[in-house]
């Protein structure tokens, strides 16, 4: 009797089953997500499954992709025919008799051709080095005064190849070599004391044209060269001085290195002026 009374007392303490609880017996329960625990809180999958990349369907290469590929900047270094820049004119030479030195560029760049004056690109250091070397001691000339060089400083300028291009790489080797006799005839006509080749590449073309071989390491050094240029008709030819290219595209030489080589040329130019008794005239305002 005592046990029966205790059992009845425990049953009276239990709450009556709820309506939802009563229905839970008849509800179909789907299998639990492995990523969820019994409390309903999402948990991370096992470490082994987290480290595995999801499998991807094999790519169908026959179907063109819709995503845009990143475009690479292409450097234009190939040959460009004369028709490419036929709308641009060549730069006029600044030449006359009894010049101390004529500066020879490779060919006009696009900025130079558009401006109509030699070495006119803002990144070209020709005019700055011409002044700091002492060739134009009183001031740094603007490119617009390129035609004043003969009268004011007994200096001149011309180019190996006359047609403009973006870079020398757009010229053919044939037209470079064929331009040497024309340059030589031009220098022979005006007979300057010296020519300054603004760029080793110009000397390499002249050397190959004259010797039929490329310039080797022992064949070249910056500054004065051992051979003369544009001789004939009883004249031994003019001296040859080579400086690094002043183009902004050529950055293989430090400014200090360039200034040192140019200073050697500038000192010689000033000595020649003294010997002639015609010091550089004061340059008028541009």
C-alpha atoms as a PDB file:
ATOM      1  CA  UNK A   1       0.000   0.000   0.000  1.00  0.00           C
ATOM      2  CA  UNK A   2       2.847   2.337   0.839  1.00  0.00           C
ATOM      3  CA  UNK A   3       4.544   1.711  -2.540  1.00  0.00           C
ATOM      4  CA  UNK A   4       1.285   2.339  -4.373  1.00  0.00           C
ATOM      5  CA  UNK A   5       0.781   5.585  -2.493  1.00  0.00           C
ATOM      6  CA  UNK A   6       4.316   6.795  -3.393  1.00  0.00           C
ATOM      7  CA  UNK A   7       3.751   5.936  -7.068  1.00  0.00           C
ATOM      8  CA  UNK A   8       0.505   7.918  -7.116  1.00  0.00           C
ATOM      9  CA  UNK A   9       2.279  10.851  -5.451  1.00  0.00           C
ATOM     10  CA  UNK A  10       5.041  10.905  -8.122  1.00  0.00           C
ATOM     11  CA  UNK A  11       2.474  10.801 -10.906  1.00  0.00           C
ATOM     12  CA  UNK A  12       0.700  13.797  -9.450  1.00  0.00           C
ATOM     13  CA  UNK A  13       4.000  15.776  -9.462  1.00  0.00           C
ATOM     14  CA  UNK A  14       4.649  15.214 -13.226  1.00  0.00           C
ATOM     15  CA  UNK A  15       3.114  17.922 -15.533  1.00  0.00           C
ATOM     16  CA  UNK A  16       0.515  16.773 -17.948  1.00  0.00           C
ATOM     17  CA  UNK A  17       1.771  16.180 -21.493  1.00  0.00           C
ATOM     18  CA  UNK A  18       1.540  19.254 -23.738  1.00  0.00           C
ATOM     19  CA  UNK A  19      -0.382  19.296 -26.973  1.00  0.00           C
ATOM     20  CA  UNK A  20       2.833  19.600 -29.079  1.00  0.00           C
ATOM     21  CA  UNK A  21       4.452  16.944 -27.034  1.00  0.00           C
ATOM     22  CA  UNK A  22       1.598  14.614 -27.696  1.00  0.00           C
ATOM     23  CA  UNK A  23       1.816  15.258 -31.442  1.00  0.00           C
ATOM     24  CA  UNK A  24       5.573  14.697 -31.527  1.00  0.00           C
ATOM     25  CA  UNK A  25       4.950  10.996 -31.535  1.00  0.00           C
ATOM     26  CA  UNK A  26       3.298  11.267 -34.935  1.00  0.00           C
ATOM     27  CA  UNK A  27       5.749  13.749 -36.628  1.00  0.00           C
ATOM     28  CA  UNK A  28       8.272  12.327 -39.130  1.00  0.00           C
ATOM     29  CA  UNK A  29      11.782  13.486 -38.176  1.00  0.00           C
ATOM     30  CA  UNK A  30      14.355  13.884 -40.968  1.00  0.00           C
ATOM     31  CA  UNK A  31      17.948  12.840 -40.333  1.00  0.00           C
ATOM     32  CA  UNK A  32      19.883  15.580 -38.557  1.00  0.00           C
ATOM     33  CA  UNK A  33      22.444  17.681 -40.395  1.00  0.00           C
ATOM     34  CA  UNK A  34      25.896  16.528 -39.396  1.00  0.00           C
ATOM     35  CA  UNK A  35      26.881  20.125 -38.976  1.00  0.00           C
ATOM     36  CA  UNK A  36      24.224  20.712 -36.326  1.00  0.00           C
ATOM     37  CA  UNK A  37      24.135  19.358 -32.809  1.00  0.00           C
ATOM     38  CA  UNK A  38      21.015  18.389 -30.939  1.00  0.00           C
ATOM     39  CA  UNK A  39      20.620  21.879 -29.538  1.00  0.00           C
ATOM     40  CA  UNK A  40      20.184  23.342 -33.047  1.00  0.00           C
ATOM     41  CA  UNK A  41      23.440  25.352 -33.033  1.00  0.00           C
ATOM     42  CA  UNK A  42      25.530  25.116 -36.213  1.00  0.00           C
ATOM     43  CA  UNK A  43      28.980  23.630 -35.729  1.00  0.00           C
ATOM     44  CA  UNK A  44      31.994  23.375 -38.070  1.00  0.00           C
ATOM     45  CA  UNK A  45      32.554  20.170 -39.982  1.00  0.00           C
ATOM     46  CA  UNK A  46      35.468  17.952 -39.018  1.00  0.00           C
ATOM     47  CA  UNK A  47      38.956  19.305 -39.803  1.00  0.00           C
ATOM     48  CA  UNK A  48      39.532  16.672 -42.465  1.00  0.00           C
ATOM     49  CA  UNK A  49      36.547  17.895 -44.482  1.00  0.00           C
ATOM     50  CA  UNK A  50      37.408  21.593 -43.940  1.00  0.00           C
ATOM     51  CA  UNK A  51      40.820  21.192 -45.561  1.00  0.00           C
ATOM     52  CA  UNK A  52      39.454  19.566 -48.653  1.00  0.00           C
ATOM     53  CA  UNK A  53      38.567  21.887 -51.545  1.00  0.00           C
ATOM     54  CA  UNK A  54      35.145  21.354 -53.019  1.00  0.00           C
ATOM     55  CA  UNK A  55      35.106  19.312 -56.152  1.00  0.00           C
ATOM     56  CA  UNK A  56      34.639  21.301 -59.356  1.00  0.00           C
ATOM     57  CA  UNK A  57      33.028  20.136 -62.498  1.00  0.00           C
ATOM     58  CA  UNK A  58      35.526  19.690 -65.356  1.00  0.00           C
ATOM     59  CA  UNK A  59      35.783  22.841 -67.472  1.00  0.00           C
ATOM     60  CA  UNK A  60      34.312  22.647 -70.907  1.00  0.00           C
ATOM     61  CA  UNK A  61      36.941  24.359 -73.067  1.00  0.00           C
ATOM     62  CA  UNK A  62      34.565  24.416 -76.011  1.00  0.00           C
ATOM     63  CA  UNK A  63      32.424  27.005 -74.246  1.00  0.00           C
ATOM     64  CA  UNK A  64      33.979  30.483 -74.249  1.00  0.00           C
ATOM     65  CA  UNK A  65      34.410  32.026 -70.822  1.00  0.00           C
ATOM     66  CA  UNK A  66      32.357  35.077 -69.983  1.00  0.00           C
ATOM     67  CA  UNK A  67      34.913  36.615 -67.613  1.00  0.00           C
ATOM     68  CA  UNK A  68      37.279  39.253 -69.009  1.00  0.00           C
ATOM     69  CA  UNK A  69      40.927  38.296 -68.882  1.00  0.00           C
ATOM     70  CA  UNK A  70      43.398  40.903 -67.636  1.00  0.00           C
ATOM     71  CA  UNK A  71      44.987  42.709 -70.557  1.00  0.00           C
ATOM     72  CA  UNK A  72      48.760  42.911 -70.630  1.00  0.00           C
ATOM     73  CA  UNK A  73      50.492  46.030 -71.849  1.00  0.00           C
ATOM     74  CA  UNK A  74      52.391  45.265 -74.997  1.00  0.00           C
ATOM     75  CA  UNK A  75      55.623  47.054 -75.722  1.00  0.00           C
ATOM     76  CA  UNK A  76      55.826  48.029 -79.343  1.00  0.00           C
ATOM     77  CA  UNK A  77      59.355  47.070 -80.361  1.00  0.00           C
ATOM     78  CA  UNK A  78      58.864  45.850 -83.930  1.00  0.00           C
ATOM     79  CA  UNK A  79      59.612  47.467 -87.237  1.00  0.00           C
ATOM     80  CA  UNK A  80      57.282  50.253 -88.346  1.00  0.00           C
ATOM     81  CA  UNK A  81      57.287  51.229 -92.052  1.00  0.00           C
ATOM     82  CA  UNK A  82      57.649  54.892 -93.059  1.00  0.00           C
ATOM     83  CA  UNK A  83      53.926  55.081 -93.764  1.00  0.00           C
ATOM     84  CA  UNK A  84      53.209  54.681 -90.030  1.00  0.00           C
ATOM     85  CA  UNK A  85      54.460  58.183 -89.268  1.00  0.00           C
ATOM     86  CA  UNK A  86      54.140  59.717 -92.730  1.00  0.00           C
ATOM     87  CA  UNK A  87      52.108  62.556 -91.222  1.00  0.00           C
ATOM     88  CA  UNK A  88      55.197  63.736 -89.284  1.00  0.00           C
ATOM     89  CA  UNK A  89      57.992  65.732 -90.887  1.00  0.00           C
ATOM     90  CA  UNK A  90      61.730  65.280 -90.505  1.00  0.00           C
ATOM     91  CA  UNK A  91      63.701  67.769 -88.399  1.00  0.00           C
ATOM     92  CA  UNK A  92      65.723  70.357 -90.371  1.00  0.00           C
ATOM     93  CA  UNK A  93      69.490  70.140 -89.940  1.00  0.00           C
ATOM     94  CA  UNK A  94      71.359  73.028 -88.346  1.00  0.00           C
ATOM     95  CA  UNK A  95      74.629  73.039 -90.318  1.00  0.00           C
ATOM     96  CA  UNK A  96      77.066  75.570 -91.713  1.00  0.00           C
ATOM     97  CA  UNK A  97      80.764  75.945 -92.445  1.00  0.00           C
ATOM     98  CA  UNK A  98      83.497  76.122 -89.783  1.00  0.00           C
ATOM     99  CA  UNK A  99      81.557  74.405 -87.016  1.00  0.00           C
ATOM    100  CA  UNK A 100      83.454  73.097 -84.004  1.00  0.00           C
ATOM    101  CA  UNK A 101      81.169  70.128 -83.422  1.00  0.00           C
ATOM    102  CA  UNK A 102      78.049  68.621 -85.003  1.00  0.00           C
ATOM    103  CA  UNK A 103      75.791  66.523 -82.777  1.00  0.00           C
ATOM    104  CA  UNK A 104      74.285  63.474 -84.464  1.00  0.00           C
ATOM    105  CA  UNK A 105      71.125  61.867 -83.117  1.00  0.00           C
ATOM    106  CA  UNK A 106      69.800  58.483 -84.190  1.00  0.00           C
ATOM    107  CA  UNK A 107      66.464  59.678 -85.581  1.00  0.00           C
ATOM    108  CA  UNK A 108      63.710  62.053 -84.427  1.00  0.00           C
ATOM    109  CA  UNK A 109      61.357  60.715 -81.785  1.00  0.00           C
ATOM    110  CA  UNK A 110      57.634  61.408 -81.942  1.00  0.00           C
ATOM    111  CA  UNK A 111      57.716  64.301 -79.460  1.00  0.00           C
ATOM    112  CA  UNK A 112      60.607  65.846 -81.395  1.00  0.00           C
ATOM    113  CA  UNK A 113      58.836  65.450 -84.737  1.00  0.00           C
ATOM    114  CA  UNK A 114      55.624  66.941 -83.387  1.00  0.00           C
ATOM    115  CA  UNK A 115      57.473  69.915 -81.896  1.00  0.00           C
ATOM    116  CA  UNK A 116      59.578  70.395 -85.029  1.00  0.00           C
ATOM    117  CA  UNK A 117      62.792  70.871 -83.028  1.00  0.00           C
ATOM    118  CA  UNK A 118      65.590  68.456 -82.223  1.00  0.00           C
ATOM    119  CA  UNK A 119      65.725  66.617 -78.866  1.00  0.00           C
ATOM    120  CA  UNK A 120      62.408  68.243 -77.914  1.00  0.00           C
ATOM    121  CA  UNK A 121      61.038  65.496 -75.658  1.00  0.00           C
ATOM    122  CA  UNK A 122      60.640  66.721 -72.045  1.00  0.00           C
ATOM    123  CA  UNK A 123      62.438  63.583 -70.834  1.00  0.00           C
ATOM    124  CA  UNK A 124      65.458  64.107 -73.097  1.00  0.00           C
ATOM    125  CA  UNK A 125      68.503  65.525 -71.291  1.00  0.00           C
ATOM    126  CA  UNK A 126      70.386  66.782 -74.381  1.00  0.00           C
ATOM    127  CA  UNK A 127      69.915  70.524 -73.815  1.00  0.00           C
ATOM    128  CA  UNK A 128      70.631  70.260 -70.107  1.00  0.00           C
ATOM    129  CA  UNK A 129      73.887  68.360 -70.709  1.00  0.00           C
ATOM    130  CA  UNK A 130      74.837  70.696 -73.538  1.00  0.00           C
ATOM    131  CA  UNK A 131      74.727  73.562 -71.049  1.00  0.00           C
ATOM    132  CA  UNK A 132      76.312  71.862 -68.021  1.00  0.00           C
ATOM    133  CA  UNK A 133      79.210  70.616 -70.171  1.00  0.00           C
ATOM    134  CA  UNK A 134      80.115  74.148 -71.256  1.00  0.00           C
ATOM    135  CA  UNK A 135      79.117  73.778 -74.883  1.00  0.00           C
ATOM    136  CA  UNK A 136      76.477  76.484 -74.293  1.00  0.00           C
ATOM    137  CA  UNK A 137      78.073  78.073 -71.211  1.00  0.00           C
ATOM    138  CA  UNK A 138      75.794  81.074 -70.745  1.00  0.00           C
ATOM    139  CA  UNK A 139      72.454  79.279 -70.555  1.00  0.00           C
ATOM    140  CA  UNK A 140      70.410  76.161 -71.240  1.00  0.00           C
ATOM    141  CA  UNK A 141      68.733  76.622 -74.588  1.00  0.00           C
ATOM    142  CA  UNK A 142      65.155  75.540 -75.267  1.00  0.00           C
ATOM    143  CA  UNK A 143      64.663  73.141 -78.186  1.00  0.00           C
ATOM    144  CA  UNK A 144      63.018  75.977 -80.116  1.00  0.00           C
ATOM    145  CA  UNK A 145      66.461  77.583 -80.535  1.00  0.00           C
ATOM    146  CA  UNK A 146      68.059  74.563 -82.208  1.00  0.00           C
ATOM    147  CA  UNK A 147      68.586  76.491 -85.447  1.00  0.00           C
ATOM    148  CA  UNK A 148      70.564  79.149 -83.545  1.00  0.00           C
ATOM    149  CA  UNK A 149      73.384  76.759 -82.559  1.00  0.00           C
ATOM    150  CA  UNK A 150      75.655  77.465 -85.583  1.00  0.00           C
ATOM    151  CA  UNK A 151      75.541  81.258 -85.302  1.00  0.00           C
ATOM    152  CA  UNK A 152      75.730  81.478 -81.499  1.00  0.00           C
ATOM    153  CA  UNK A 153      78.002  78.588 -80.531  1.00  0.00           C
ATOM    154  CA  UNK A 154      79.633  77.204 -83.705  1.00  0.00           C
ATOM    155  CA  UNK A 155      77.721  73.973 -83.090  1.00  0.00           C
ATOM    156  CA  UNK A 156      75.304  72.053 -85.286  1.00  0.00           C
ATOM    157  CA  UNK A 157      73.028  69.042 -85.315  1.00  0.00           C
ATOM    158  CA  UNK A 158      71.666  66.381 -87.662  1.00  0.00           C
ATOM    159  CA  UNK A 159      70.414  62.784 -87.519  1.00  0.00           C
ATOM    160  CA  UNK A 160      71.621  59.446 -88.847  1.00  0.00           C
ATOM    161  CA  UNK A 161      68.109  58.552 -90.079  1.00  0.00           C
ATOM    162  CA  UNK A 162      65.816  61.433 -90.921  1.00  0.00           C
ATOM    163  CA  UNK A 163      62.399  59.802 -90.606  1.00  0.00           C
ATOM    164  CA  UNK A 164      60.629  59.943 -87.209  1.00  0.00           C
ATOM    165  CA  UNK A 165      59.598  56.902 -85.211  1.00  0.00           C
ATOM    166  CA  UNK A 166      58.618  56.013 -81.676  1.00  0.00           C
ATOM    167  CA  UNK A 167      62.038  54.456 -81.072  1.00  0.00           C
ATOM    168  CA  UNK A 168      65.055  53.255 -83.028  1.00  0.00           C
ATOM    169  CA  UNK A 169      63.666  49.718 -82.762  1.00  0.00           C
ATOM    170  CA  UNK A 170      61.075  50.665 -85.388  1.00  0.00           C
ATOM    171  CA  UNK A 171      63.799  51.252 -87.981  1.00  0.00           C
ATOM    172  CA  UNK A 172      65.190  48.448 -90.108  1.00  0.00           C
ATOM    173  CA  UNK A 173      68.872  47.509 -90.003  1.00  0.00           C
ATOM    174  CA  UNK A 174      69.048  48.046 -93.751  1.00  0.00           C
ATOM    175  CA  UNK A 175      67.921  51.678 -93.621  1.00  0.00           C
ATOM    176  CA  UNK A 176      70.306  52.349 -90.725  1.00  0.00           C
ATOM    177  CA  UNK A 177      73.311  51.069 -92.688  1.00  0.00           C
ATOM    178  CA  UNK A 178      72.164  52.798 -95.870  1.00  0.00           C
ATOM    179  CA  UNK A 179      71.983  56.108 -93.961  1.00  0.00           C
ATOM    180  CA  UNK A 180      75.713  56.073 -93.116  1.00  0.00           C
ATOM    181  CA  UNK A 181      77.009  57.170 -96.569  1.00  0.00           C
ATOM    182  CA  UNK A 182      74.473  60.008 -96.618  1.00  0.00           C
ATOM    183  CA  UNK A 183      75.583  61.187 -93.174  1.00  0.00           C
ATOM    184  CA  UNK A 184      79.218  60.870 -94.198  1.00  0.00           C
ATOM    185  CA  UNK A 185      78.650  62.955 -97.318  1.00  0.00           C
ATOM    186  CA  UNK A 186      76.845  65.591 -95.281  1.00  0.00           C
ATOM    187  CA  UNK A 187      79.731  65.851 -92.783  1.00  0.00           C
ATOM    188  CA  UNK A 188      82.271  65.852 -95.581  1.00  0.00           C
ATOM    189  CA  UNK A 189      80.475  68.787 -97.190  1.00  0.00           C
ATOM    190  CA  UNK A 190      80.354  70.990 -94.069  1.00  0.00           C
ATOM    191  CA  UNK A 191      83.698  69.832 -92.588  1.00  0.00           C
ATOM    192  CA  UNK A 192      83.229  70.379 -88.837  1.00  0.00           C
ATOM    193  CA  UNK A 193      86.165  69.788 -86.496  1.00  0.00           C
ATOM    194  CA  UNK A 194      84.327  66.924 -84.810  1.00  0.00           C
ATOM    195  CA  UNK A 195      81.080  65.022 -84.631  1.00  0.00           C
ATOM    196  CA  UNK A 196      79.469  63.923 -81.383  1.00  0.00           C
ATOM    197  CA  UNK A 197      77.362  60.791 -81.748  1.00  0.00           C
ATOM    198  CA  UNK A 198      74.562  60.961 -79.179  1.00  0.00           C
ATOM    199  CA  UNK A 199      74.228  57.249 -78.502  1.00  0.00           C
ATOM    200  CA  UNK A 200      76.504  54.241 -78.779  1.00  0.00           C
ATOM    201  CA  UNK A 201      74.044  52.634 -81.207  1.00  0.00           C
ATOM    202  CA  UNK A 202      74.942  55.255 -83.823  1.00  0.00           C
ATOM    203  CA  UNK A 203      78.607  54.373 -83.568  1.00  0.00           C
ATOM    204  CA  UNK A 204      77.766  50.668 -83.817  1.00  0.00           C
ATOM    205  CA  UNK A 205      75.924  51.265 -87.099  1.00  0.00           C
ATOM    206  CA  UNK A 206      78.816  53.320 -88.509  1.00  0.00           C
ATOM    207  CA  UNK A 207      81.355  50.745 -87.355  1.00  0.00           C
ATOM    208  CA  UNK A 208      79.396  47.890 -88.928  1.00  0.00           C
ATOM    209  CA  UNK A 209      79.038  49.867 -92.139  1.00  0.00           C
ATOM    210  CA  UNK A 210      82.785  50.533 -92.306  1.00  0.00           C
ATOM    211  CA  UNK A 211      84.218  47.238 -91.047  1.00  0.00           C
ATOM    212  CA  UNK A 212      81.460  44.725 -91.784  1.00  0.00           C
ATOM    213  CA  UNK A 213      81.478  43.442 -88.203  1.00  0.00           C
ATOM    214  CA  UNK A 214      79.834  44.269 -84.900  1.00  0.00           C
ATOM    215  CA  UNK A 215      81.496  46.314 -82.179  1.00  0.00           C
ATOM    216  CA  UNK A 216      83.191  44.061 -79.658  1.00  0.00           C
ATOM    217  CA  UNK A 217      84.056  44.957 -76.083  1.00  0.00           C
ATOM    218  CA  UNK A 218      87.646  45.889 -76.887  1.00  0.00           C
ATOM    219  CA  UNK A 219      86.639  47.989 -79.905  1.00  0.00           C
ATOM    220  CA  UNK A 220      84.815  50.714 -78.011  1.00  0.00           C
ATOM    221  CA  UNK A 221      85.124  53.140 -75.136  1.00  0.00           C
ATOM    222  CA  UNK A 222      83.185  56.295 -74.391  1.00  0.00           C
ATOM    223  CA  UNK A 223      84.556  59.626 -75.544  1.00  0.00           C
ATOM    224  CA  UNK A 224      87.064  60.082 -78.374  1.00  0.00           C
ATOM    225  CA  UNK A 225      87.422  57.289 -80.913  1.00  0.00           C
ATOM    226  CA  UNK A 226      90.635  56.262 -82.645  1.00  0.00           C
ATOM    227  CA  UNK A 227      89.400  56.685 -86.202  1.00  0.00           C
ATOM    228  CA  UNK A 228      88.271  59.724 -88.187  1.00  0.00           C
ATOM    229  CA  UNK A 229      84.987  60.130 -90.013  1.00  0.00           C
ATOM    230  CA  UNK A 230      84.063  61.568 -93.424  1.00  0.00           C
ATOM    231  CA  UNK A 231      87.569  61.975 -94.773  1.00  0.00           C
ATOM    232  CA  UNK A 232      88.520  62.322 -98.418  1.00  0.00           C
ATOM    233  CA  UNK A 233      89.516  64.953-100.958  1.00  0.00           C
ATOM    234  CA  UNK A 234      92.811  65.506 -99.176  1.00  0.00           C
ATOM    235  CA  UNK A 235      91.140  65.792 -95.757  1.00  0.00           C
ATOM    236  CA  UNK A 236      91.686  63.222 -93.040  1.00  0.00           C
ATOM    237  CA  UNK A 237      88.177  63.610 -91.686  1.00  0.00           C
ATOM    238  CA  UNK A 238      86.781  64.899 -88.413  1.00  0.00           C
ATOM    239  CA  UNK A 239      87.255  63.547 -84.928  1.00  0.00           C
ATOM    240  CA  UNK A 240      84.537  61.358 -83.404  1.00  0.00           C
ATOM    241  CA  UNK A 241      83.233  61.644 -79.838  1.00  0.00           C
ATOM    242  CA  UNK A 242      80.567  59.280 -78.472  1.00  0.00           C
ATOM    243  CA  UNK A 243      78.283  60.009 -75.515  1.00  0.00           C
ATOM    244  CA  UNK A 244      75.423  57.895 -74.091  1.00  0.00           C
ATOM    245  CA  UNK A 245      71.993  58.498 -75.527  1.00  0.00           C
ATOM    246  CA  UNK A 246      70.161  61.380 -73.862  1.00  0.00           C
ATOM    247  CA  UNK A 247      66.766  59.826 -74.526  1.00  0.00           C
ATOM    248  CA  UNK A 248      64.514  59.273 -71.531  1.00  0.00           C
ATOM    249  CA  UNK A 249      64.002  55.713 -72.794  1.00  0.00           C
ATOM    250  CA  UNK A 250      67.663  54.931 -72.041  1.00  0.00           C
ATOM    251  CA  UNK A 251      68.166  54.744 -68.270  1.00  0.00           C
ATOM    252  CA  UNK A 252      71.213  52.476 -68.026  1.00  0.00           C
ATOM    253  CA  UNK A 253      73.649  55.256 -67.110  1.00  0.00           C
ATOM    254  CA  UNK A 254      73.669  57.519 -64.089  1.00  0.00           C
ATOM    255  CA  UNK A 255      73.411  61.322 -64.478  1.00  0.00           C
ATOM    256  CA  UNK A 256      76.891  61.646 -62.948  1.00  0.00           C
ATOM    257  CA  UNK A 257      78.360  59.305 -65.535  1.00  0.00           C
ATOM    258  CA  UNK A 258      76.764  61.236 -68.391  1.00  0.00           C
ATOM    259  CA  UNK A 259      77.872  64.604 -67.042  1.00  0.00           C
ATOM    260  CA  UNK A 260      81.473  63.418 -66.721  1.00  0.00           C
ATOM    261  CA  UNK A 261      81.642  62.301 -70.365  1.00  0.00           C
ATOM    262  CA  UNK A 262      79.909  65.444 -71.611  1.00  0.00           C
ATOM    263  CA  UNK A 263      82.264  67.618 -69.546  1.00  0.00           C
ATOM    264  CA  UNK A 264      85.239  66.179 -71.408  1.00  0.00           C
ATOM    265  CA  UNK A 265      83.646  67.209 -74.693  1.00  0.00           C
ATOM    266  CA  UNK A 266      82.652  70.622 -73.333  1.00  0.00           C
ATOM    267  CA  UNK A 267      86.199  71.372 -72.207  1.00  0.00           C
ATOM    268  CA  UNK A 268      87.493  70.553 -75.676  1.00  0.00           C
ATOM    269  CA  UNK A 269      84.842  72.736 -77.351  1.00  0.00           C
ATOM    270  CA  UNK A 270      85.809  75.711 -75.172  1.00  0.00           C
ATOM    271  CA  UNK A 271      89.489  75.190 -75.951  1.00  0.00           C
ATOM    272  CA  UNK A 272      88.722  75.216 -79.674  1.00  0.00           C
ATOM    273  CA  UNK A 273      86.792  78.460 -79.250  1.00  0.00           C
ATOM    274  CA  UNK A 274      89.797  80.045 -77.569  1.00  0.00           C
ATOM    275  CA  UNK A 275      92.103  78.814 -80.314  1.00  0.00           C
ATOM    276  CA  UNK A 276      89.774  80.315 -82.917  1.00  0.00           C
ATOM    277  CA  UNK A 277      89.304  83.498 -80.964  1.00  0.00           C
ATOM    278  CA  UNK A 278      85.538  83.227 -81.199  1.00  0.00           C
ATOM    279  CA  UNK A 279      84.170  82.635 -77.725  1.00  0.00           C
ATOM    280  CA  UNK A 280      80.485  81.771 -77.556  1.00  0.00           C
ATOM    281  CA  UNK A 281      78.372  84.843 -78.062  1.00  0.00           C
ATOM    282  CA  UNK A 282      75.914  85.910 -75.440  1.00  0.00           C
ATOM    283  CA  UNK A 283      72.654  84.215 -76.251  1.00  0.00           C
ATOM    284  CA  UNK A 284      69.684  86.580 -76.674  1.00  0.00           C
ATOM    285  CA  UNK A 285      66.467  85.947 -74.806  1.00  0.00           C
ATOM    286  CA  UNK A 286      64.248  83.329 -76.398  1.00  0.00           C
END
